[in-house]
Amino acid sequence: MTATTRHARGAGHSVYAVLLHDGRRSEPWGLYIGQTSRDPDLRFDQHKAGYKASGAAKRFGVRLLPDLVEHLNPMRAWEALELEAALAEVLREAGVPWVEGGH
């Protein structure tokens, strides 16, 4: 998976991945896939604080997984939206049992 607008003029968006953990689930580890115009570290902090948060990222977010997506970033907004959805779908199809986000 690649971003065609990576480092292009106006490329200020990122896709990010958050490691999720919920010990109550039969498969307790999962991933949340999102996109942002902010720094992904700041966006993760916002999720944890409840600001425009995904419920899964807020409650079960452990940490960012930058190695999973750093080869994609930064990119233009339209592509971040497309790749957010595509990455979540690829992970689901690959058998990751718990994938959130990717809207």
N, C-alpha and C. Protein backbone atom coordinates (compact mmCIF):
# COMPACT_ATOMS: atom_id res chain seq x y z
N MET A 1 0.85 -1.17 0.00
CA MET A 1 0.00 0.00 0.00
C MET A 1 0.90 1.24 0.00
N THR A 2 0.59 2.18 -0.87
CA THR A 2 1.37 3.41 -0.95
C THR A 2 0.43 4.60 -1.09
N ALA A 3 0.96 5.76 -0.77
CA ALA A 3 0.23 7.02 -0.92
C ALA A 3 0.80 7.75 -2.12
N THR A 4 -0.04 8.02 -3.12
CA THR A 4 0.45 8.69 -4.32
C THR A 4 0.77 10.16 -4.09
N THR A 5 0.17 10.76 -3.06
CA THR A 5 0.42 12.17 -2.78
C THR A 5 1.41 12.36 -1.63
N ARG A 6 2.14 11.30 -1.27
CA ARG A 6 3.09 11.40 -0.17
C ARG A 6 4.08 12.53 -0.45
N HIS A 7 4.21 13.42 0.49
CA HIS A 7 5.12 14.58 0.42
C HIS A 7 4.77 15.55 -0.71
N ALA A 8 3.60 15.41 -1.32
CA ALA A 8 3.19 16.36 -2.36
C ALA A 8 2.85 17.70 -1.71
N ARG A 9 2.84 18.73 -2.53
CA ARG A 9 2.43 20.04 -2.02
C ARG A 9 1.03 19.93 -1.44
N GLY A 10 0.83 20.43 -0.25
CA GLY A 10 -0.46 20.35 0.42
C GLY A 10 -0.69 19.05 1.17
N ALA A 11 0.34 18.21 1.24
CA ALA A 11 0.21 16.92 1.94
C ALA A 11 0.40 17.15 3.43
N GLY A 12 -0.70 17.30 4.14
CA GLY A 12 -0.62 17.57 5.57
C GLY A 12 -1.43 16.62 6.43
N HIS A 13 -1.89 15.52 5.85
CA HIS A 13 -2.70 14.56 6.59
C HIS A 13 -1.91 13.26 6.79
N SER A 14 -2.30 12.54 7.82
CA SER A 14 -1.65 11.27 8.14
C SER A 14 -2.69 10.22 8.46
N VAL A 15 -2.34 8.98 8.16
CA VAL A 15 -3.08 7.82 8.63
C VAL A 15 -2.31 7.32 9.84
N TYR A 16 -3.02 6.87 10.87
CA TYR A 16 -2.35 6.37 12.06
C TYR A 16 -3.03 5.09 12.55
N ALA A 17 -2.27 4.29 13.30
CA ALA A 17 -2.77 3.04 13.85
C ALA A 17 -2.56 3.06 15.36
N VAL A 18 -3.58 2.63 16.09
CA VAL A 18 -3.53 2.55 17.54
C VAL A 18 -3.69 1.09 17.95
N LEU A 19 -2.81 0.63 18.81
CA LEU A 19 -2.93 -0.70 19.39
C LEU A 19 -4.03 -0.67 20.45
N LEU A 20 -4.96 -1.60 20.35
CA LEU A 20 -6.07 -1.69 21.30
C LEU A 20 -5.91 -2.94 22.16
N HIS A 21 -6.36 -2.85 23.41
CA HIS A 21 -6.39 -4.03 24.28
C HIS A 21 -7.62 -4.00 25.17
N ASP A 22 -8.38 -5.09 25.13
CA ASP A 22 -9.55 -5.27 25.99
C ASP A 22 -9.53 -6.71 26.48
N GLY A 23 -9.09 -6.91 27.71
CA GLY A 23 -8.94 -8.24 28.28
C GLY A 23 -10.22 -9.03 28.39
N ARG A 24 -11.36 -8.39 28.21
CA ARG A 24 -12.65 -9.09 28.29
C ARG A 24 -12.98 -9.82 27.00
N ARG A 25 -12.30 -9.48 25.92
CA ARG A 25 -12.58 -10.09 24.61
C ARG A 25 -11.84 -11.41 24.47
N SER A 26 -12.40 -12.31 23.67
CA SER A 26 -11.70 -13.58 23.41
C SER A 26 -10.41 -13.33 22.63
N GLU A 27 -10.42 -12.33 21.78
CA GLU A 27 -9.22 -11.87 21.06
C GLU A 27 -8.94 -10.48 21.59
N PRO A 28 -8.12 -10.34 22.65
CA PRO A 28 -8.03 -9.06 23.36
C PRO A 28 -7.26 -7.95 22.66
N TRP A 29 -6.47 -8.27 21.64
CA TRP A 29 -5.67 -7.26 20.96
C TRP A 29 -6.30 -6.88 19.64
N GLY A 30 -6.27 -5.59 19.32
CA GLY A 30 -6.84 -5.11 18.07
C GLY A 30 -6.17 -3.84 17.61
N LEU A 31 -6.72 -3.27 16.55
CA LEU A 31 -6.18 -2.06 15.95
C LEU A 31 -7.29 -1.07 15.66
N TYR A 32 -6.99 0.19 15.88
CA TYR A 32 -7.86 1.28 15.45
C TYR A 32 -7.10 2.02 14.35
N ILE A 33 -7.75 2.25 13.21
CA ILE A 33 -7.14 2.98 12.10
C ILE A 33 -7.87 4.30 11.94
N GLY A 34 -7.11 5.40 11.94
CA GLY A 34 -7.70 6.72 11.78
C GLY A 34 -6.88 7.58 10.84
N GLN A 35 -7.37 8.78 10.59
CA GLN A 35 -6.64 9.76 9.77
C GLN A 35 -6.83 11.11 10.42
N THR A 36 -5.84 11.98 10.22
CA THR A 36 -5.86 13.28 10.89
C THR A 36 -5.04 14.30 10.12
N SER A 37 -5.37 15.56 10.36
CA SER A 37 -4.54 16.66 9.85
C SER A 37 -3.57 17.11 10.93
N ARG A 38 -3.69 16.55 12.11
CA ARG A 38 -2.82 16.90 13.23
C ARG A 38 -1.67 15.90 13.32
N ASP A 39 -0.74 16.18 14.20
CA ASP A 39 0.30 15.21 14.49
C ASP A 39 -0.37 13.97 15.10
N PRO A 40 -0.05 12.77 14.63
CA PRO A 40 -0.69 11.58 15.18
C PRO A 40 -0.54 11.42 16.70
N ASP A 41 0.59 11.84 17.26
CA ASP A 41 0.76 11.77 18.72
C ASP A 41 -0.26 12.65 19.42
N LEU A 42 -0.46 13.86 18.92
CA LEU A 42 -1.47 14.75 19.48
C LEU A 42 -2.86 14.16 19.32
N ARG A 43 -3.14 13.59 18.15
CA ARG A 43 -4.47 13.01 17.92
C ARG A 43 -4.72 11.85 18.88
N PHE A 44 -3.71 11.02 19.13
CA PHE A 44 -3.87 9.93 20.09
C PHE A 44 -4.19 10.48 21.48
N ASP A 45 -3.46 11.52 21.88
CA ASP A 45 -3.72 12.15 23.18
C ASP A 45 -5.15 12.68 23.25
N GLN A 46 -5.65 13.23 22.13
CA GLN A 46 -7.02 13.72 22.09
C GLN A 46 -8.02 12.58 22.27
N HIS A 47 -7.77 11.46 21.60
CA HIS A 47 -8.64 10.29 21.79
C HIS A 47 -8.68 9.92 23.27
N LYS A 48 -7.52 9.81 23.89
CA LYS A 48 -7.45 9.37 25.29
C LYS A 48 -8.14 10.37 26.22
N ALA A 49 -8.12 11.65 25.86
CA ALA A 49 -8.77 12.69 26.67
C ALA A 49 -10.26 12.80 26.38
N GLY A 50 -10.73 12.12 25.34
CA GLY A 50 -12.15 12.15 25.01
C GLY A 50 -12.55 13.22 24.02
N TYR A 51 -11.59 13.94 23.43
CA TYR A 51 -11.89 15.00 22.48
C TYR A 51 -12.09 14.41 21.09
N LYS A 52 -13.31 14.51 20.56
CA LYS A 52 -13.64 13.94 19.25
C LYS A 52 -13.10 12.52 19.15
N ALA A 53 -13.35 11.76 20.19
CA ALA A 53 -12.70 10.47 20.35
C ALA A 53 -13.50 9.32 19.79
N SER A 54 -12.79 8.35 19.26
CA SER A 54 -13.36 7.03 19.01
C SER A 54 -13.50 6.36 20.36
N GLY A 55 -14.65 5.74 20.60
CA GLY A 55 -14.84 5.04 21.87
C GLY A 55 -13.80 3.96 22.08
N ALA A 56 -13.47 3.23 21.02
CA ALA A 56 -12.48 2.16 21.14
C ALA A 56 -11.10 2.73 21.45
N ALA A 57 -10.70 3.79 20.76
CA ALA A 57 -9.38 4.38 21.01
C ALA A 57 -9.30 4.99 22.40
N LYS A 58 -10.39 5.59 22.84
CA LYS A 58 -10.40 6.21 24.17
C LYS A 58 -10.31 5.15 25.26
N ARG A 59 -11.14 4.13 25.18
CA ARG A 59 -11.23 3.13 26.25
C ARG A 59 -10.12 2.09 26.19
N PHE A 60 -9.72 1.69 24.99
CA PHE A 60 -8.83 0.55 24.86
C PHE A 60 -7.49 0.87 24.21
N GLY A 61 -7.27 2.14 23.81
CA GLY A 61 -6.03 2.51 23.16
C GLY A 61 -4.84 2.37 24.09
N VAL A 62 -3.82 1.66 23.63
CA VAL A 62 -2.60 1.44 24.40
C VAL A 62 -1.51 2.40 23.94
N ARG A 63 -1.27 2.42 22.64
CA ARG A 63 -0.25 3.29 22.08
C ARG A 63 -0.38 3.33 20.56
N LEU A 64 0.29 4.30 19.97
CA LEU A 64 0.38 4.37 18.51
C LEU A 64 1.32 3.30 18.00
N LEU A 65 1.09 2.88 16.77
CA LEU A 65 1.99 1.95 16.08
C LEU A 65 2.52 2.63 14.82
N PRO A 66 3.45 3.58 14.98
CA PRO A 66 3.90 4.36 13.82
C PRO A 66 4.58 3.53 12.74
N ASP A 67 5.24 2.43 13.10
CA ASP A 67 5.93 1.63 12.09
C ASP A 67 4.97 1.04 11.06
N LEU A 68 3.72 0.90 11.44
CA LEU A 68 2.73 0.31 10.54
C LEU A 68 2.36 1.24 9.38
N VAL A 69 2.48 2.57 9.61
CA VAL A 69 1.97 3.53 8.63
C VAL A 69 2.94 4.64 8.22
N GLU A 70 4.11 4.70 8.84
CA GLU A 70 4.99 5.85 8.58
C GLU A 70 5.42 5.95 7.13
N HIS A 71 5.44 4.84 6.40
CA HIS A 71 5.82 4.87 4.98
C HIS A 71 4.76 5.55 4.11
N LEU A 72 3.58 5.79 4.67
CA LEU A 72 2.48 6.41 3.91
C LEU A 72 2.42 7.92 4.07
N ASN A 73 2.87 8.44 5.19
CA ASN A 73 2.63 9.83 5.60
C ASN A 73 3.74 10.78 5.21
N PRO A 74 3.43 12.07 5.03
CA PRO A 74 2.11 12.70 4.97
C PRO A 74 1.51 12.60 3.57
N MET A 75 0.23 12.90 3.47
CA MET A 75 -0.49 12.83 2.20
C MET A 75 -1.60 13.87 2.20
N ARG A 76 -2.25 14.00 1.08
CA ARG A 76 -3.38 14.94 0.99
C ARG A 76 -4.61 14.36 1.67
N ALA A 77 -5.54 15.24 2.03
CA ALA A 77 -6.72 14.85 2.81
C ALA A 77 -7.54 13.76 2.13
N TRP A 78 -7.81 13.91 0.85
CA TRP A 78 -8.66 12.94 0.16
C TRP A 78 -8.03 11.56 0.19
N GLU A 79 -6.71 11.51 0.07
CA GLU A 79 -6.04 10.21 0.06
C GLU A 79 -5.99 9.61 1.45
N ALA A 80 -5.86 10.44 2.47
CA ALA A 80 -5.87 9.94 3.85
C ALA A 80 -7.21 9.26 4.14
N LEU A 81 -8.29 9.86 3.68
CA LEU A 81 -9.61 9.24 3.88
C LEU A 81 -9.71 7.90 3.16
N GLU A 82 -9.20 7.85 1.93
CA GLU A 82 -9.23 6.60 1.17
C GLU A 82 -8.36 5.53 1.80
N LEU A 83 -7.14 5.90 2.18
CA LEU A 83 -6.22 4.92 2.74
C LEU A 83 -6.63 4.46 4.13
N GLU A 84 -7.26 5.33 4.90
CA GLU A 84 -7.79 4.92 6.22
C GLU A 84 -8.75 3.74 6.03
N ALA A 85 -9.69 3.88 5.11
CA ALA A 85 -10.67 2.82 4.86
C ALA A 85 -10.00 1.59 4.25
N ALA A 86 -9.10 1.80 3.30
CA ALA A 86 -8.45 0.67 2.64
C ALA A 86 -7.58 -0.13 3.60
N LEU A 87 -6.83 0.55 4.45
CA LEU A 87 -5.96 -0.14 5.40
C LEU A 87 -6.79 -0.96 6.39
N ALA A 88 -7.86 -0.38 6.90
CA ALA A 88 -8.72 -1.12 7.83
C ALA A 88 -9.29 -2.37 7.14
N GLU A 89 -9.70 -2.24 5.90
CA GLU A 89 -10.25 -3.38 5.17
C GLU A 89 -9.20 -4.45 4.92
N VAL A 90 -7.99 -4.05 4.54
CA VAL A 90 -6.90 -5.00 4.32
C VAL A 90 -6.61 -5.78 5.59
N LEU A 91 -6.58 -5.09 6.72
CA LEU A 91 -6.32 -5.76 8.00
C LEU A 91 -7.43 -6.75 8.34
N ARG A 92 -8.67 -6.37 8.10
CA ARG A 92 -9.78 -7.30 8.35
C ARG A 92 -9.68 -8.53 7.45
N GLU A 93 -9.40 -8.29 6.17
CA GLU A 93 -9.28 -9.40 5.23
C GLU A 93 -8.09 -10.30 5.54
N ALA A 94 -7.05 -9.73 6.16
CA ALA A 94 -5.87 -10.51 6.55
C ALA A 94 -6.11 -11.34 7.80
N GLY A 95 -7.28 -11.15 8.42
CA GLY A 95 -7.62 -11.96 9.57
C GLY A 95 -7.41 -11.32 10.92
N VAL A 96 -7.09 -10.03 10.94
CA VAL A 96 -6.99 -9.35 12.24
C VAL A 96 -8.40 -9.37 12.83
N PRO A 97 -8.58 -9.98 14.00
CA PRO A 97 -9.92 -10.21 14.51
C PRO A 97 -10.66 -8.98 15.02
N TRP A 98 -9.95 -7.93 15.38
CA TRP A 98 -10.60 -6.75 15.95
C TRP A 98 -9.98 -5.51 15.31
N VAL A 99 -10.69 -4.91 14.38
CA VAL A 99 -10.24 -3.68 13.71
C VAL A 99 -11.36 -2.65 13.84
N GLU A 100 -11.02 -1.50 14.39
CA GLU A 100 -11.96 -0.39 14.54
C GLU A 100 -11.51 0.74 13.62
N GLY A 101 -12.41 1.67 13.36
CA GLY A 101 -12.08 2.84 12.54
C GLY A 101 -12.17 2.52 11.07
N GLY A 102 -11.44 3.29 10.30
CA GLY A 102 -11.46 3.09 8.86
C GLY A 102 -12.71 3.60 8.20
N HIS A 103 -13.28 4.68 8.74
CA HIS A 103 -14.55 5.21 8.22
C HIS A 103 -14.30 6.08 7.01
